[in-house]
Every structure is written in C-alpha cells, then in structure tokens.
C-alpha cells in the first residue's frame, strides 16, 4: 500500500464507515445506528471489518511498529480506530484483540501534546481517547477519566443534545478506572490472555458490569 492510499484509507474510508454522518449536530442514543455499530458484538459487523480492513490493519500495525507517525489529526484518529477498535472485531475472543493496544495508546498520548485534539467533533475526540480506557495502566486510566470529564463539560456548549450520552461515557470511563485500580488489570481478559485468575477476580467476574 502506498503512503497516499494509506493516508486516504485512514482519513476517508475508515471514518466514513465508523462514524457515518455523525457530527456535533447529531443526537446520539443507544438506539442510533452508529452507536449500535460501535457497541456491536455482531458476527456480521466483525466479518465486515475483517473483510474490509484486515489488510490496512496489518499494514498500519507494521508501520507503527517501525515508528510511523500520522501527518495530520485526521490520520491520527483513523489510525487509532484501526489499531484500537478494529482488532476487537477482527480477532474477537482471541489474544489478537489486544495485540496493537500499546501502539494505539502511543498515538493517543502523542496526540494529546497539543490542544488541537479538542477541536475534533465530540465523538471523534471520544474515540481518540479510547485507547486510554483500554489500558491496564492506572495512569492511563486516570488520564482517560480526566479527558472524559472535560468532554462532558464541553458537550454542554458543543453538542448540548448529547449531554446524557457523554455523561454515560464518563461514568463508563470511571468504571474502567475502578477495576484497574482494584486489580491492576481487567480480570475478564485473563482467560483470553492465558493469565491465572485470582479468587478475588473470580468472585468479581460473577458481578454485573465486570466485563466489557
């Protein structure tokens, strides 16, 4: 894949699929078509992403491992989607789900070094920050909560019809932090990653909202 087509895929094809027409004027709810796609545990969605985006995932992962950096904020968002969201569909319930998390986290953290990321439409900001929510490092989780807290304030003026949606997202981020603070990791990943589960984790996994 040439650098030109690489960039075009990240800035056009990937966001068009993931976000569709969603922008700050869109009213979001759990019933919205895009939100359902984001939260889907659907074989059809998994297969579509696997078919359409596996090649770009493999290419991008290789380039990122060799130090590739996005040339624009739009490329950064697309790259984060490919490295953070897409493997969770391509490799569902396999160790590959988490195989590029560290790369996605690096892209996110690098993107926070300037305030430009705050100019993104709200949902694009949310997904740019999402690798931090998937991290098993407490510092990443705390930074994620801080960023989601800022978003739930900004949405009041940027996209006021979505205050409830971003309030829910903030509490979801808080829940991730609580689990990592408690266990130092996400216990629901243990089986996939071949990690032993402690008695405390086994008891926790029987509770509601212990897995994502």
N, C-alpha and C. Protein backbone atom coordinates (compact mmCIF):
# COMPACT_ATOMS: atom_id res chain seq x y z
N UNK A 1 0.84 -1.19 0.00
CA UNK A 1 0.00 0.00 0.00
C UNK A 1 0.88 1.24 0.00
N UNK A 2 0.62 2.19 -0.92
CA UNK A 2 1.42 3.41 -0.98
C UNK A 2 1.03 4.34 0.16
N UNK A 3 1.94 5.28 0.46
CA UNK A 3 1.65 6.24 1.52
C UNK A 3 0.39 7.04 1.22
N UNK A 4 0.17 7.36 -0.07
CA UNK A 4 -1.02 8.13 -0.44
C UNK A 4 -2.29 7.34 -0.14
N UNK A 5 -2.34 6.08 -0.57
CA UNK A 5 -3.54 5.29 -0.33
C UNK A 5 -3.69 4.97 1.15
N UNK A 6 -2.56 4.84 1.84
CA UNK A 6 -2.56 4.62 3.29
C UNK A 6 -3.28 5.79 3.97
N UNK A 7 -2.87 6.99 3.63
CA UNK A 7 -3.47 8.18 4.21
C UNK A 7 -4.94 8.31 3.85
N UNK A 8 -5.25 8.05 2.60
CA UNK A 8 -6.65 8.18 2.15
C UNK A 8 -7.55 7.20 2.87
N UNK A 9 -7.07 5.99 3.09
CA UNK A 9 -7.86 5.00 3.81
C UNK A 9 -8.15 5.46 5.23
N UNK A 10 -7.12 6.01 5.90
CA UNK A 10 -7.28 6.43 7.29
C UNK A 10 -8.16 7.67 7.43
N UNK A 11 -8.10 8.57 6.46
CA UNK A 11 -8.83 9.83 6.58
C UNK A 11 -10.20 9.80 5.92
N UNK A 12 -10.45 8.80 5.08
CA UNK A 12 -11.73 8.76 4.34
C UNK A 12 -12.50 7.48 4.61
N UNK A 13 -11.96 6.35 4.19
CA UNK A 13 -12.73 5.10 4.27
C UNK A 13 -13.02 4.68 5.70
N UNK A 14 -12.01 4.73 6.56
CA UNK A 14 -12.20 4.29 7.94
C UNK A 14 -13.21 5.16 8.68
N UNK A 15 -13.06 6.51 8.71
CA UNK A 15 -14.05 7.31 9.42
C UNK A 15 -15.44 7.29 8.78
N UNK A 16 -15.50 7.17 7.46
CA UNK A 16 -16.82 7.08 6.82
C UNK A 16 -17.57 5.86 7.30
N UNK A 17 -16.86 4.74 7.43
CA UNK A 17 -17.52 3.54 7.92
C UNK A 17 -17.89 3.69 9.39
N UNK A 18 -16.94 4.14 10.22
CA UNK A 18 -17.14 4.10 11.66
C UNK A 18 -18.12 5.18 12.14
N UNK A 19 -17.97 6.39 11.61
CA UNK A 19 -18.79 7.50 12.08
C UNK A 19 -20.00 7.78 11.19
N UNK A 20 -19.94 7.41 9.93
CA UNK A 20 -21.03 7.76 9.04
C UNK A 20 -21.19 9.27 8.99
N UNK A 21 -22.41 9.74 9.17
CA UNK A 21 -22.70 11.18 9.12
C UNK A 21 -22.72 11.82 10.51
N UNK A 22 -22.28 11.11 11.52
CA UNK A 22 -22.34 11.63 12.89
C UNK A 22 -21.41 12.83 13.05
N UNK A 23 -21.96 13.94 13.55
CA UNK A 23 -21.16 15.10 13.92
C UNK A 23 -21.79 15.73 15.16
N UNK A 24 -21.37 16.94 15.50
CA UNK A 24 -21.85 17.54 16.75
C UNK A 24 -23.33 17.89 16.70
N UNK A 25 -23.93 17.89 15.53
CA UNK A 25 -25.36 18.18 15.44
C UNK A 25 -26.23 16.93 15.60
N UNK A 26 -25.60 15.77 15.61
CA UNK A 26 -26.33 14.50 15.70
C UNK A 26 -26.77 14.25 17.13
N UNK A 27 -28.00 13.79 17.29
CA UNK A 27 -28.49 13.36 18.60
C UNK A 27 -28.17 11.89 18.77
N UNK A 28 -27.37 11.57 19.77
CA UNK A 28 -26.92 10.20 19.97
C UNK A 28 -27.73 9.52 21.06
N UNK A 29 -27.99 8.24 20.86
CA UNK A 29 -28.62 7.39 21.86
C UNK A 29 -28.15 5.98 21.61
N UNK A 30 -28.46 5.07 22.52
CA UNK A 30 -28.05 3.68 22.34
C UNK A 30 -28.74 3.04 21.14
N UNK A 31 -29.81 3.66 20.65
CA UNK A 31 -30.53 3.13 19.50
C UNK A 31 -30.01 3.66 18.17
N UNK A 32 -29.14 4.66 18.23
CA UNK A 32 -28.61 5.23 16.99
C UNK A 32 -27.80 4.18 16.24
N UNK A 33 -27.94 4.19 14.93
CA UNK A 33 -27.29 3.16 14.10
C UNK A 33 -25.78 3.12 14.32
N UNK A 34 -25.13 4.28 14.41
CA UNK A 34 -23.69 4.29 14.59
C UNK A 34 -23.31 3.78 15.98
N UNK A 35 -24.06 4.17 17.00
CA UNK A 35 -23.77 3.71 18.36
C UNK A 35 -23.93 2.21 18.46
N UNK A 36 -24.93 1.67 17.80
CA UNK A 36 -25.10 0.22 17.81
C UNK A 36 -23.93 -0.47 17.14
N UNK A 37 -23.39 0.13 16.08
CA UNK A 37 -22.22 -0.46 15.43
C UNK A 37 -21.01 -0.41 16.37
N UNK A 38 -20.83 0.72 17.07
CA UNK A 38 -19.70 0.85 17.98
C UNK A 38 -19.75 -0.19 19.09
N UNK A 39 -20.94 -0.50 19.55
CA UNK A 39 -21.09 -1.41 20.69
C UNK A 39 -21.40 -2.85 20.27
N UNK A 40 -21.42 -3.09 18.98
CA UNK A 40 -21.89 -4.38 18.49
C UNK A 40 -20.98 -5.54 18.88
N UNK A 41 -21.60 -6.63 19.29
CA UNK A 41 -20.93 -7.92 19.34
C UNK A 41 -21.66 -8.78 18.33
N UNK A 42 -21.47 -8.39 17.08
CA UNK A 42 -22.22 -8.94 15.97
C UNK A 42 -21.29 -9.66 15.00
N UNK A 43 -21.54 -10.93 14.70
CA UNK A 43 -20.72 -11.62 13.72
C UNK A 43 -20.70 -10.91 12.37
N UNK A 44 -21.80 -10.27 12.01
CA UNK A 44 -21.86 -9.57 10.72
C UNK A 44 -20.93 -8.36 10.72
N UNK A 45 -20.95 -7.58 11.80
CA UNK A 45 -20.05 -6.42 11.89
C UNK A 45 -18.60 -6.89 11.93
N UNK A 46 -18.33 -7.92 12.72
CA UNK A 46 -16.97 -8.46 12.80
C UNK A 46 -16.47 -8.90 11.43
N UNK A 47 -17.31 -9.60 10.69
CA UNK A 47 -16.90 -10.10 9.38
C UNK A 47 -16.70 -8.97 8.39
N UNK A 48 -17.54 -7.95 8.46
CA UNK A 48 -17.37 -6.81 7.54
C UNK A 48 -16.04 -6.13 7.80
N UNK A 49 -15.73 -5.85 9.06
CA UNK A 49 -14.47 -5.18 9.39
C UNK A 49 -13.29 -6.07 9.00
N UNK A 50 -13.41 -7.36 9.26
CA UNK A 50 -12.33 -8.29 8.90
C UNK A 50 -12.11 -8.28 7.38
N UNK A 51 -13.17 -8.30 6.64
CA UNK A 51 -13.06 -8.35 5.18
C UNK A 51 -12.54 -7.04 4.60
N UNK A 52 -13.05 -5.92 5.11
CA UNK A 52 -12.74 -4.62 4.53
C UNK A 52 -11.44 -4.02 5.05
N UNK A 53 -11.06 -4.34 6.28
CA UNK A 53 -10.00 -3.57 6.91
C UNK A 53 -8.84 -4.41 7.48
N UNK A 54 -8.86 -5.72 7.31
CA UNK A 54 -7.76 -6.53 7.83
C UNK A 54 -6.43 -6.14 7.19
N UNK A 55 -6.44 -5.88 5.89
CA UNK A 55 -5.20 -5.53 5.20
C UNK A 55 -4.62 -4.22 5.73
N UNK A 56 -5.45 -3.20 5.89
CA UNK A 56 -4.96 -1.93 6.40
C UNK A 56 -4.51 -2.09 7.85
N UNK A 57 -5.20 -2.95 8.61
CA UNK A 57 -4.77 -3.19 9.99
C UNK A 57 -3.35 -3.75 10.01
N UNK A 58 -3.12 -4.77 9.21
CA UNK A 58 -1.79 -5.39 9.20
C UNK A 58 -0.72 -4.41 8.73
N UNK A 59 -1.02 -3.66 7.67
CA UNK A 59 -0.05 -2.69 7.15
C UNK A 59 0.25 -1.61 8.17
N UNK A 60 -0.81 -1.07 8.77
CA UNK A 60 -0.63 0.02 9.72
C UNK A 60 0.11 -0.45 10.96
N UNK A 61 -0.23 -1.63 11.45
CA UNK A 61 0.45 -2.14 12.63
C UNK A 61 1.95 -2.27 12.36
N UNK A 62 2.30 -2.80 11.19
CA UNK A 62 3.71 -2.93 10.85
C UNK A 62 4.41 -1.59 10.76
N UNK A 63 3.74 -0.62 10.13
CA UNK A 63 4.35 0.70 10.01
C UNK A 63 4.48 1.37 11.38
N UNK A 64 3.45 1.23 12.22
CA UNK A 64 3.50 1.84 13.56
C UNK A 64 4.60 1.22 14.40
N UNK A 65 4.81 -0.07 14.25
CA UNK A 65 5.89 -0.73 14.99
C UNK A 65 7.26 -0.22 14.55
N UNK A 66 7.33 0.27 13.31
CA UNK A 66 8.59 0.83 12.79
C UNK A 66 8.69 2.34 13.01
N UNK A 67 7.73 2.90 13.76
CA UNK A 67 7.83 4.30 14.14
C UNK A 67 6.99 5.26 13.33
N UNK A 68 6.11 4.75 12.47
CA UNK A 68 5.25 5.65 11.68
C UNK A 68 4.47 6.59 12.58
N UNK A 69 4.32 7.82 12.11
CA UNK A 69 3.51 8.80 12.83
C UNK A 69 2.56 9.47 11.85
N UNK A 70 1.35 9.77 12.26
CA UNK A 70 0.38 10.40 11.35
C UNK A 70 0.79 11.82 10.99
N UNK A 71 0.44 12.23 9.78
CA UNK A 71 0.79 13.57 9.30
C UNK A 71 -0.26 14.60 9.67
N UNK A 72 -1.41 14.16 10.16
CA UNK A 72 -2.49 15.09 10.47
C UNK A 72 -3.33 14.51 11.61
N UNK A 73 -4.16 15.34 12.20
CA UNK A 73 -5.06 14.88 13.24
C UNK A 73 -6.07 13.88 12.69
N UNK A 74 -6.52 14.10 11.46
CA UNK A 74 -7.47 13.18 10.84
C UNK A 74 -6.84 11.80 10.66
N UNK A 75 -5.57 11.76 10.23
CA UNK A 75 -4.87 10.48 10.12
C UNK A 75 -4.73 9.82 11.47
N UNK A 76 -4.47 10.61 12.51
CA UNK A 76 -4.30 10.06 13.85
C UNK A 76 -5.59 9.39 14.33
N UNK A 77 -6.72 10.04 14.12
CA UNK A 77 -8.00 9.44 14.53
C UNK A 77 -8.24 8.15 13.78
N UNK A 78 -8.03 8.16 12.46
CA UNK A 78 -8.23 6.95 11.68
C UNK A 78 -7.31 5.82 12.13
N UNK A 79 -6.06 6.16 12.41
CA UNK A 79 -5.09 5.14 12.85
C UNK A 79 -5.49 4.57 14.20
N UNK A 80 -5.97 5.40 15.11
CA UNK A 80 -6.40 4.91 16.42
C UNK A 80 -7.59 3.97 16.26
N UNK A 81 -8.53 4.31 15.39
CA UNK A 81 -9.66 3.40 15.16
C UNK A 81 -9.16 2.05 14.66
N UNK A 82 -8.25 2.06 13.72
CA UNK A 82 -7.77 0.81 13.12
C UNK A 82 -7.01 -0.03 14.15
N UNK A 83 -6.20 0.60 14.98
CA UNK A 83 -5.35 -0.15 15.90
C UNK A 83 -6.03 -0.48 17.23
N UNK A 84 -7.07 0.27 17.58
CA UNK A 84 -7.73 0.07 18.87
C UNK A 84 -9.08 -0.61 18.72
N UNK A 85 -9.93 -0.10 17.85
CA UNK A 85 -11.28 -0.64 17.71
C UNK A 85 -11.34 -1.87 16.81
N UNK A 86 -10.70 -1.79 15.66
CA UNK A 86 -10.88 -2.85 14.66
C UNK A 86 -10.37 -4.22 15.11
N UNK A 87 -9.23 -4.34 15.80
CA UNK A 87 -8.81 -5.69 16.21
C UNK A 87 -9.78 -6.35 17.18
N UNK A 88 -10.56 -5.56 17.90
CA UNK A 88 -11.56 -6.14 18.81
C UNK A 88 -12.68 -6.82 18.03
N UNK A 89 -12.83 -6.48 16.78
CA UNK A 89 -13.78 -7.15 15.89
C UNK A 89 -13.08 -8.24 15.08
N UNK A 90 -11.92 -7.91 14.53
CA UNK A 90 -11.21 -8.86 13.67
C UNK A 90 -10.83 -10.13 14.43
N UNK A 91 -10.40 -9.96 15.68
CA UNK A 91 -9.89 -11.08 16.48
C UNK A 91 -10.74 -11.32 17.73
N UNK A 92 -12.02 -11.16 17.62
CA UNK A 92 -12.88 -11.28 18.80
C UNK A 92 -12.62 -12.59 19.56
N UNK A 93 -12.47 -12.45 20.89
CA UNK A 93 -12.23 -13.58 21.80
C UNK A 93 -10.92 -14.30 21.52
N UNK A 94 -9.99 -13.60 20.87
CA UNK A 94 -8.65 -14.13 20.66
C UNK A 94 -7.63 -13.13 21.20
N UNK A 95 -6.43 -13.60 21.45
CA UNK A 95 -5.41 -12.74 22.02
C UNK A 95 -5.11 -11.53 21.12
N UNK A 96 -5.33 -11.69 19.82
CA UNK A 96 -5.09 -10.59 18.89
C UNK A 96 -5.95 -9.37 19.13
N UNK A 97 -7.02 -9.51 19.89
CA UNK A 97 -7.87 -8.36 20.22
C UNK A 97 -7.05 -7.22 20.81
N UNK A 98 -6.03 -7.58 21.58
CA UNK A 98 -5.25 -6.59 22.32
C UNK A 98 -3.85 -6.38 21.74
N UNK A 99 -3.62 -6.94 20.56
CA UNK A 99 -2.27 -7.01 20.03
C UNK A 99 -1.66 -5.68 19.64
N UNK A 100 -2.47 -4.67 19.37
CA UNK A 100 -1.92 -3.37 18.98
C UNK A 100 -2.33 -2.27 19.94
N UNK A 101 -2.78 -2.65 21.14
CA UNK A 101 -3.21 -1.64 22.12
C UNK A 101 -2.09 -0.66 22.45
N UNK A 102 -0.87 -1.15 22.63
CA UNK A 102 0.23 -0.25 23.01
C UNK A 102 0.52 0.76 21.91
N UNK A 103 0.36 0.35 20.66
CA UNK A 103 0.57 1.27 19.54
C UNK A 103 -0.51 2.35 19.52
N UNK A 104 -1.75 1.94 19.75
CA UNK A 104 -2.85 2.89 19.78
C UNK A 104 -2.68 3.88 20.93
N UNK A 105 -2.27 3.38 22.08
CA UNK A 105 -2.05 4.25 23.23
C UNK A 105 -0.98 5.29 22.91
N UNK A 106 0.09 4.86 22.28
CA UNK A 106 1.16 5.80 21.92
C UNK A 106 0.64 6.89 21.00
N UNK A 107 -0.16 6.52 20.00
CA UNK A 107 -0.72 7.52 19.09
C UNK A 107 -1.63 8.49 19.83
N UNK A 108 -2.41 7.97 20.76
CA UNK A 108 -3.29 8.84 21.54
C UNK A 108 -2.48 9.80 22.39
N UNK A 109 -1.53 9.27 23.14
CA UNK A 109 -0.74 10.12 24.05
C UNK A 109 0.02 11.19 23.26
N UNK A 110 0.61 10.81 22.13
CA UNK A 110 1.31 11.79 21.30
C UNK A 110 0.36 12.89 20.83
N UNK A 111 -0.89 12.51 20.55
CA UNK A 111 -1.87 13.47 20.07
C UNK A 111 -2.36 14.44 21.12
N UNK A 112 -2.09 14.12 22.39
CA UNK A 112 -2.52 15.00 23.48
C UNK A 112 -1.51 16.08 23.79
N UNK A 113 -0.39 16.08 23.07
CA UNK A 113 0.68 17.04 23.36
C UNK A 113 0.35 18.46 22.88
N UNK A 114 -0.65 18.60 22.03
CA UNK A 114 -1.12 19.91 21.61
C UNK A 114 -2.62 19.97 21.83
N UNK A 115 -3.19 21.17 21.99
CA UNK A 115 -4.64 21.28 22.23
C UNK A 115 -5.50 21.04 20.99
N UNK A 116 -4.87 20.74 19.86
CA UNK A 116 -5.62 20.56 18.62
C UNK A 116 -6.69 19.48 18.75
N UNK A 117 -6.42 18.45 19.54
CA UNK A 117 -7.37 17.34 19.65
C UNK A 117 -8.72 17.80 20.18
N UNK A 118 -8.75 18.91 20.90
CA UNK A 118 -10.02 19.40 21.47
C UNK A 118 -10.90 20.06 20.42
N UNK A 119 -10.36 20.27 19.21
CA UNK A 119 -11.17 20.85 18.13
C UNK A 119 -11.97 19.80 17.39
N UNK A 120 -11.69 18.53 17.63
CA UNK A 120 -12.40 17.46 16.94
C UNK A 120 -13.88 17.45 17.32
N UNK A 121 -14.75 16.98 16.41
CA UNK A 121 -16.12 16.69 16.83
C UNK A 121 -16.11 15.75 18.03
N UNK A 122 -17.11 15.88 18.86
CA UNK A 122 -17.09 15.21 20.15
C UNK A 122 -16.87 13.70 20.06
N UNK A 123 -17.56 13.03 19.14
CA UNK A 123 -17.41 11.57 19.09
C UNK A 123 -16.02 11.17 18.58
N UNK A 124 -15.42 12.00 17.75
CA UNK A 124 -14.07 11.69 17.28
C UNK A 124 -13.07 11.88 18.42
N UNK A 125 -13.29 12.90 19.24
CA UNK A 125 -12.47 13.04 20.44
C UNK A 125 -12.60 11.80 21.32
N UNK A 126 -13.83 11.35 21.51
CA UNK A 126 -14.07 10.20 22.37
C UNK A 126 -13.26 8.99 21.91
N UNK A 127 -13.28 8.72 20.60
CA UNK A 127 -12.57 7.54 20.11
C UNK A 127 -11.06 7.77 20.06
N UNK A 128 -10.62 9.01 19.93
CA UNK A 128 -9.19 9.27 20.03
C UNK A 128 -8.69 8.94 21.43
N UNK A 129 -9.49 9.19 22.44
CA UNK A 129 -9.11 8.92 23.83
C UNK A 129 -9.30 7.46 24.25
N UNK A 130 -10.07 6.71 23.47
CA UNK A 130 -10.49 5.38 23.90
C UNK A 130 -9.34 4.41 24.22
N UNK A 131 -8.20 4.46 23.52
CA UNK A 131 -7.13 3.54 23.91
C UNK A 131 -6.72 3.66 25.37
N UNK A 132 -6.84 4.84 25.95
CA UNK A 132 -6.51 5.01 27.36
C UNK A 132 -7.49 4.24 28.24
N UNK A 133 -8.74 4.15 27.82
CA UNK A 133 -9.74 3.39 28.57
C UNK A 133 -9.46 1.89 28.48
N UNK A 134 -8.81 1.47 27.42
CA UNK A 134 -8.49 0.05 27.25
C UNK A 134 -7.17 -0.34 27.90
N UNK A 135 -6.43 0.64 28.40
CA UNK A 135 -5.13 0.37 29.00
C UNK A 135 -5.28 -0.28 30.38
N UNK A 136 -4.30 -1.10 30.73
CA UNK A 136 -4.26 -1.68 32.07
C UNK A 136 -3.27 -0.93 32.98
N UNK A 137 -2.89 0.26 32.58
CA UNK A 137 -2.05 1.13 33.41
C UNK A 137 -2.94 2.15 34.12
N UNK A 138 -2.79 2.26 35.42
CA UNK A 138 -3.63 3.17 36.20
C UNK A 138 -3.45 4.61 35.74
N UNK A 139 -2.23 5.01 35.42
CA UNK A 139 -2.01 6.39 34.98
C UNK A 139 -2.78 6.70 33.71
N UNK A 140 -2.82 5.76 32.77
CA UNK A 140 -3.60 5.95 31.55
C UNK A 140 -5.09 6.07 31.87
N UNK A 141 -5.55 5.22 32.77
CA UNK A 141 -6.96 5.25 33.14
C UNK A 141 -7.34 6.58 33.79
N UNK A 142 -6.48 7.07 34.65
CA UNK A 142 -6.79 8.35 35.31
C UNK A 142 -6.80 9.50 34.30
N UNK A 143 -5.89 9.45 33.35
CA UNK A 143 -5.89 10.49 32.32
C UNK A 143 -7.15 10.38 31.47
N UNK A 144 -7.58 9.16 31.20
CA UNK A 144 -8.80 8.95 30.43
C UNK A 144 -10.00 9.58 31.14
N UNK A 145 -10.12 9.35 32.43
CA UNK A 145 -11.23 9.92 33.19
C UNK A 145 -11.19 11.44 33.15
N UNK A 146 -10.00 11.99 33.26
CA UNK A 146 -9.86 13.45 33.18
C UNK A 146 -10.35 13.97 31.83
N UNK A 147 -9.96 13.30 30.75
CA UNK A 147 -10.36 13.72 29.41
C UNK A 147 -11.87 13.57 29.20
N UNK A 148 -12.44 12.49 29.70
CA UNK A 148 -13.87 12.30 29.56
C UNK A 148 -14.64 13.29 30.43
N UNK A 149 -14.06 13.69 31.54
CA UNK A 149 -14.67 14.73 32.37
C UNK A 149 -14.69 16.06 31.62
N UNK A 150 -13.59 16.38 30.92
CA UNK A 150 -13.54 17.60 30.12
C UNK A 150 -14.58 17.55 29.00
N UNK A 151 -14.75 16.39 28.38
CA UNK A 151 -15.73 16.26 27.31
C UNK A 151 -17.15 16.48 27.81
N UNK A 152 -17.47 15.96 28.98
CA UNK A 152 -18.84 16.10 29.46
C UNK A 152 -19.15 17.56 29.81
N UNK A 153 -18.09 18.37 30.02
CA UNK A 153 -18.30 19.81 30.20
C UNK A 153 -18.41 20.50 28.83
N UNK A 154 -17.51 20.16 27.91
CA UNK A 154 -17.51 20.79 26.60
C UNK A 154 -18.79 20.50 25.82
N UNK A 155 -19.36 19.32 26.01
CA UNK A 155 -20.54 18.94 25.24
C UNK A 155 -21.73 19.85 25.56
N UNK A 156 -21.72 20.49 26.71
CA UNK A 156 -22.83 21.36 27.10
C UNK A 156 -22.99 22.53 26.13
N UNK A 157 -21.88 22.97 25.56
CA UNK A 157 -21.95 24.05 24.58
C UNK A 157 -21.75 23.55 23.15
N UNK A 158 -20.98 22.49 22.97
CA UNK A 158 -20.67 22.00 21.63
C UNK A 158 -21.79 21.17 21.04
N UNK A 159 -22.43 20.35 21.88
CA UNK A 159 -23.44 19.40 21.39
C UNK A 159 -24.43 19.12 22.52
N UNK A 160 -25.20 20.12 22.94
CA UNK A 160 -25.99 20.02 24.17
C UNK A 160 -27.03 18.90 24.17
N UNK A 161 -27.45 18.47 22.99
CA UNK A 161 -28.42 17.38 22.93
C UNK A 161 -27.80 16.05 23.37
N UNK A 162 -26.47 16.03 23.51
CA UNK A 162 -25.78 14.79 23.86
C UNK A 162 -25.18 14.80 25.26
N UNK A 163 -25.66 15.69 26.12
CA UNK A 163 -25.14 15.74 27.49
C UNK A 163 -25.29 14.39 28.18
N UNK A 164 -26.45 13.78 28.05
CA UNK A 164 -26.68 12.50 28.72
C UNK A 164 -25.76 11.41 28.17
N UNK A 165 -25.55 11.39 26.86
CA UNK A 165 -24.69 10.38 26.24
C UNK A 165 -23.26 10.49 26.77
N UNK A 166 -22.74 11.72 26.88
CA UNK A 166 -21.36 11.89 27.34
C UNK A 166 -21.24 11.78 28.86
N UNK A 167 -22.33 12.01 29.57
CA UNK A 167 -22.33 11.72 30.99
C UNK A 167 -22.21 10.22 31.21
N UNK A 168 -22.95 9.45 30.41
CA UNK A 168 -22.85 7.99 30.47
C UNK A 168 -21.44 7.53 30.11
N UNK A 169 -20.84 8.14 29.10
CA UNK A 169 -19.48 7.76 28.69
C UNK A 169 -18.49 8.04 29.80
N UNK A 170 -18.67 9.15 30.50
CA UNK A 170 -17.79 9.50 31.62
C UNK A 170 -17.88 8.43 32.71
N UNK A 171 -19.08 8.02 33.05
CA UNK A 171 -19.23 7.02 34.11
C UNK A 171 -18.68 5.66 33.66
N UNK A 172 -18.75 5.39 32.37
CA UNK A 172 -18.16 4.17 31.83
C UNK A 172 -16.63 4.22 32.00
N UNK A 173 -16.04 5.39 31.75
CA UNK A 173 -14.60 5.55 31.96
C UNK A 173 -14.26 5.38 33.43
N UNK A 174 -15.07 5.92 34.31
CA UNK A 174 -14.84 5.77 35.75
C UNK A 174 -14.85 4.28 36.15
N UNK A 175 -15.75 3.51 35.55
CA UNK A 175 -15.84 2.10 35.88
C UNK A 175 -14.56 1.36 35.47
N UNK A 176 -14.02 1.69 34.31
CA UNK A 176 -12.76 1.09 33.89
C UNK A 176 -11.64 1.42 34.87
N UNK A 177 -11.57 2.67 35.28
CA UNK A 177 -10.54 3.07 36.24
C UNK A 177 -10.68 2.30 37.55
N UNK A 178 -11.90 2.19 38.05
CA UNK A 178 -12.12 1.48 39.32
C UNK A 178 -11.59 0.05 39.26
N UNK A 179 -11.83 -0.62 38.13
CA UNK A 179 -11.39 -2.02 38.01
C UNK A 179 -9.87 -2.11 37.98
N UNK A 180 -9.23 -1.24 37.20
CA UNK A 180 -7.77 -1.29 37.10
C UNK A 180 -7.12 -0.86 38.42
N UNK A 181 -7.72 0.10 39.11
CA UNK A 181 -7.20 0.48 40.42
C UNK A 181 -7.30 -0.70 41.40
N UNK A 182 -8.36 -1.46 41.29
CA UNK A 182 -8.60 -2.56 42.23
C UNK A 182 -7.72 -3.76 41.94
N UNK A 183 -7.58 -4.13 40.65
CA UNK A 183 -6.90 -5.38 40.30
C UNK A 183 -5.58 -5.19 39.54
N UNK A 184 -5.34 -3.99 39.07
CA UNK A 184 -4.14 -3.76 38.27
C UNK A 184 -4.26 -4.27 36.84
N UNK A 185 -5.45 -4.68 36.47
CA UNK A 185 -5.72 -5.22 35.13
C UNK A 185 -7.23 -5.45 35.00
N UNK A 186 -7.65 -5.90 33.81
CA UNK A 186 -9.05 -6.27 33.59
C UNK A 186 -9.17 -7.79 33.73
N UNK A 187 -9.79 -8.27 34.80
CA UNK A 187 -9.87 -9.72 35.00
C UNK A 187 -10.56 -10.47 33.87
N UNK A 188 -11.48 -9.82 33.16
CA UNK A 188 -12.19 -10.55 32.09
C UNK A 188 -11.27 -10.89 30.92
N UNK A 189 -10.09 -10.31 30.87
CA UNK A 189 -9.14 -10.65 29.80
C UNK A 189 -8.29 -11.87 30.15
N UNK A 190 -8.33 -12.30 31.38
CA UNK A 190 -7.38 -13.32 31.83
C UNK A 190 -7.45 -14.59 30.99
N UNK A 191 -8.65 -15.08 30.75
CA UNK A 191 -8.78 -16.35 30.02
C UNK A 191 -8.19 -16.23 28.62
N UNK A 192 -8.52 -15.14 27.91
CA UNK A 192 -8.02 -14.97 26.55
C UNK A 192 -6.50 -14.84 26.54
N UNK A 193 -5.96 -14.14 27.53
CA UNK A 193 -4.52 -13.90 27.57
C UNK A 193 -3.74 -15.00 28.27
N UNK A 194 -4.43 -16.03 28.76
CA UNK A 194 -3.76 -17.13 29.42
C UNK A 194 -3.20 -16.77 30.78
N UNK A 195 -3.84 -15.81 31.46
CA UNK A 195 -3.38 -15.40 32.78
C UNK A 195 -4.19 -16.12 33.85
N UNK A 196 -3.56 -16.52 34.93
CA UNK A 196 -4.32 -17.12 36.02
C UNK A 196 -5.23 -16.08 36.67
N UNK A 197 -6.39 -16.52 37.09
CA UNK A 197 -7.38 -15.65 37.75
C UNK A 197 -7.35 -15.89 39.24
N UNK A 198 -7.24 -14.83 40.01
CA UNK A 198 -7.22 -14.96 41.46
C UNK A 198 -8.62 -15.23 41.99
N UNK A 199 -8.70 -15.65 43.23
CA UNK A 199 -10.02 -15.89 43.83
C UNK A 199 -10.83 -14.60 43.86
N UNK A 200 -10.18 -13.50 44.18
CA UNK A 200 -10.90 -12.22 44.22
C UNK A 200 -11.42 -11.84 42.84
N UNK A 201 -10.63 -12.09 41.82
CA UNK A 201 -11.07 -11.79 40.46
C UNK A 201 -12.21 -12.70 40.03
N UNK A 202 -12.13 -13.97 40.38
CA UNK A 202 -13.20 -14.92 40.03
C UNK A 202 -14.52 -14.49 40.66
N UNK A 203 -14.46 -14.05 41.91
CA UNK A 203 -15.68 -13.57 42.57
C UNK A 203 -16.19 -12.31 41.89
N UNK A 204 -15.28 -11.43 41.54
CA UNK A 204 -15.66 -10.19 40.87
C UNK A 204 -16.34 -10.46 39.53
N UNK A 205 -15.83 -11.43 38.78
CA UNK A 205 -16.37 -11.71 37.44
C UNK A 205 -17.80 -12.25 37.48
N UNK A 206 -18.27 -12.61 38.66
CA UNK A 206 -19.66 -13.04 38.80
C UNK A 206 -20.60 -11.86 39.01
N UNK A 207 -20.02 -10.69 39.21
CA UNK A 207 -20.81 -9.48 39.46
C UNK A 207 -21.26 -8.86 38.15
N UNK A 208 -22.36 -8.10 38.18
CA UNK A 208 -22.76 -7.34 36.98
C UNK A 208 -21.71 -6.31 36.61
N UNK A 209 -21.62 -6.03 35.32
CA UNK A 209 -20.71 -4.98 34.81
C UNK A 209 -19.25 -5.23 35.16
N UNK A 210 -18.87 -6.51 35.20
CA UNK A 210 -17.47 -6.83 35.46
C UNK A 210 -16.69 -7.07 34.18
N UNK A 211 -17.37 -7.16 33.05
CA UNK A 211 -16.73 -7.42 31.77
C UNK A 211 -17.19 -6.39 30.76
N UNK A 212 -16.35 -6.21 29.73
CA UNK A 212 -16.68 -5.25 28.68
C UNK A 212 -16.54 -5.92 27.31
